Amino acid sequence: MVRAGIIGFLRANGPATRAEISRALEIPVPTVAKSLAALMTTRLLISDPPLDEVRQGQRVRYRVDDAAVSDMYLQLGQAIGEL
């Protein structure tokens, strides 16, 4: 549910940092960081700057890749016979 909560928060509020997400959802930063890493691996989020360009201490803002999330939603709906 943490990952879904992060996606929902970012969709409703726009790009945010780990700390902003942590405060808004009242979830510890390490939990948010782990979930963000998983969401980035599945390409459901986009980071600014891209993670391979981040310098130490630089803030990273995350946003939802709406096309990827919509595609996943459609695939899930089809798989469970809801769409």
C-alpha atoms as a PDB file:
ATOM      1  CA  MET A   1       0.000   0.000   0.000  1.00  0.00           C
ATOM      2  CA  VAL A   2       2.959   2.359   0.473  1.00  0.00           C
ATOM      3  CA  ARG A   3       3.760   2.356  -3.238  1.00  0.00           C
ATOM      4  CA  ALA A   4       0.132   2.964  -4.191  1.00  0.00           C
ATOM      5  CA  GLY A   5       0.005   5.783  -1.643  1.00  0.00           C
ATOM      6  CA  ILE A   6       3.106   7.380  -3.145  1.00  0.00           C
ATOM      7  CA  ILE A   7       1.663   7.179  -6.657  1.00  0.00           C
ATOM      8  CA  GLY A   8      -1.626   8.650  -5.441  1.00  0.00           C
ATOM      9  CA  PHE A   9       0.130  11.473  -3.601  1.00  0.00           C
ATOM     10  CA  LEU A  10       2.306  12.363  -6.577  1.00  0.00           C
ATOM     11  CA  ARG A  11      -0.632  12.254  -8.982  1.00  0.00           C
ATOM     12  CA  ALA A  12      -2.624  14.589  -6.747  1.00  0.00           C
ATOM     13  CA  ASN A  13       0.193  16.940  -5.735  1.00  0.00           C
ATOM     14  CA  GLY A  14       2.773  16.847  -8.501  1.00  0.00           C
ATOM     15  CA  PRO A  15       6.519  16.326  -8.188  1.00  0.00           C
ATOM     16  CA  ALA A  16       7.974  15.932  -4.708  1.00  0.00           C
ATOM     17  CA  THR A  17      11.163  14.925  -2.905  1.00  0.00           C
ATOM     18  CA  ARG A  18      11.545  11.902  -0.605  1.00  0.00           C
ATOM     19  CA  ALA A  19      11.259  14.157   2.434  1.00  0.00           C
ATOM     20  CA  GLU A  20       8.099  15.858   1.140  1.00  0.00           C
ATOM     21  CA  ILE A  21       6.488  12.495   0.412  1.00  0.00           C
ATOM     22  CA  SER A  22       7.541  11.192   3.829  1.00  0.00           C
ATOM     23  CA  ARG A  23       6.011  14.178   5.636  1.00  0.00           C
ATOM     24  CA  ALA A  24       2.791  14.147   3.639  1.00  0.00           C
ATOM     25  CA  LEU A  25       2.164  10.423   4.022  1.00  0.00           C
ATOM     26  CA  GLU A  26       3.616  10.204   7.547  1.00  0.00           C
ATOM     27  CA  ILE A  27       5.937   7.373   6.501  1.00  0.00           C
ATOM     28  CA  PRO A  28       9.609   7.125   7.528  1.00  0.00           C
ATOM     29  CA  VAL A  29      12.071   8.405   4.896  1.00  0.00           C
ATOM     30  CA  PRO A  30      13.863   5.010   4.593  1.00  0.00           C
ATOM     31  CA  THR A  31      10.527   3.337   3.787  1.00  0.00           C
ATOM     32  CA  VAL A  32       9.760   6.000   1.191  1.00  0.00           C
ATOM     33  CA  ALA A  33      13.249   5.663  -0.300  1.00  0.00           C
ATOM     34  CA  LYS A  34      12.892   1.893  -0.662  1.00  0.00           C
ATOM     35  CA  SER A  35       9.469   2.258  -2.280  1.00  0.00           C
ATOM     36  CA  LEU A  36      10.688   4.997  -4.632  1.00  0.00           C
ATOM     37  CA  ALA A  37      13.559   2.748  -5.737  1.00  0.00           C
ATOM     38  CA  ALA A  38      11.105  -0.045  -6.526  1.00  0.00           C
ATOM     39  CA  LEU A  39       8.796   2.320  -8.422  1.00  0.00           C
ATOM     40  CA  MET A  40      11.740   3.681 -10.401  1.00  0.00           C
ATOM     41  CA  THR A  41      12.840   0.135 -11.278  1.00  0.00           C
ATOM     42  CA  THR A  42       9.373  -0.590 -12.649  1.00  0.00           C
ATOM     43  CA  ARG A  43       9.478   2.764 -14.490  1.00  0.00           C
ATOM     44  CA  LEU A  44       6.287   4.055 -12.921  1.00  0.00           C
ATOM     45  CA  LEU A  45       8.062   7.209 -11.729  1.00  0.00           C
ATOM     46  CA  ILE A  46      10.358   9.723 -13.376  1.00  0.00           C
ATOM     47  CA  SER A  47      13.062  11.527 -11.424  1.00  0.00           C
ATOM     48  CA  ASP A  48      14.358  15.036 -11.966  1.00  0.00           C
ATOM     49  CA  PRO A  49      17.266  15.020 -12.396  1.00  0.00           C
ATOM     50  CA  PRO A  50      17.620  11.483 -13.782  1.00  0.00           C
ATOM     51  CA  LEU A  51      19.126   9.251 -11.092  1.00  0.00           C
ATOM     52  CA  ASP A  52      22.237   8.522 -13.152  1.00  0.00           C
ATOM     53  CA  GLU A  53      23.006  12.269 -13.154  1.00  0.00           C
ATOM     54  CA  VAL A  54      22.435  13.001  -9.456  1.00  0.00           C
ATOM     55  CA  ARG A  55      25.332  14.451  -7.483  1.00  0.00           C
ATOM     56  CA  GLN A  56      25.735  13.780  -3.781  1.00  0.00           C
ATOM     57  CA  GLY A  57      23.496  16.033  -1.727  1.00  0.00           C
ATOM     58  CA  GLN A  58      21.368  17.048  -4.704  1.00  0.00           C
ATOM     59  CA  ARG A  59      17.606  16.979  -4.220  1.00  0.00           C
ATOM     60  CA  VAL A  60      15.666  14.665  -6.486  1.00  0.00           C
ATOM     61  CA  ARG A  61      12.029  15.299  -7.316  1.00  0.00           C
ATOM     62  CA  TYR A  62       9.832  12.405  -8.354  1.00  0.00           C
ATOM     63  CA  ARG A  63       6.743  12.460 -10.527  1.00  0.00           C
ATOM     64  CA  VAL A  64       4.409   9.821 -11.901  1.00  0.00           C
ATOM     65  CA  ASP A  65       4.874   8.532 -15.431  1.00  0.00           C
ATOM     66  CA  ASP A  66       1.164   8.788 -16.197  1.00  0.00           C
ATOM     67  CA  ALA A  67       1.380   6.717 -19.377  1.00  0.00           C
ATOM     68  CA  ALA A  68       3.158   3.849 -17.584  1.00  0.00           C
ATOM     69  CA  VAL A  69       0.716   3.879 -14.650  1.00  0.00           C
ATOM     70  CA  SER A  70      -2.299   3.956 -16.984  1.00  0.00           C
ATOM     71  CA  ASP A  71      -0.862   1.065 -18.990  1.00  0.00           C
ATOM     72  CA  MET A  72      -0.268  -0.963 -15.816  1.00  0.00           C
ATOM     73  CA  TYR A  73      -3.814  -0.214 -14.662  1.00  0.00           C
ATOM     74  CA  LEU A  74      -5.252  -1.409 -17.978  1.00  0.00           C
ATOM     75  CA  GLN A  75      -3.145  -4.571 -17.925  1.00  0.00           C
ATOM     76  CA  LEU A  76      -4.253  -5.353 -14.383  1.00  0.00           C
ATOM     77  CA  GLY A  77      -7.890  -4.718 -15.226  1.00  0.00           C
ATOM     78  CA  GLN A  78      -7.680  -7.041 -18.213  1.00  0.00           C
ATOM     79  CA  ALA A  79      -5.858  -9.720 -16.232  1.00  0.00           C
ATOM     80  CA  ILE A  80      -8.546  -9.829 -13.543  1.00  0.00           C
ATOM     81  CA  GLY A  81     -11.422  -9.482 -16.003  1.00  0.00           C
ATOM     82  CA  GLU A  82     -12.538  -6.035 -14.888  1.00  0.00           C
ATOM     83  CA  LEU A  83     -11.918  -4.272 -18.228  1.00  0.00           C
END
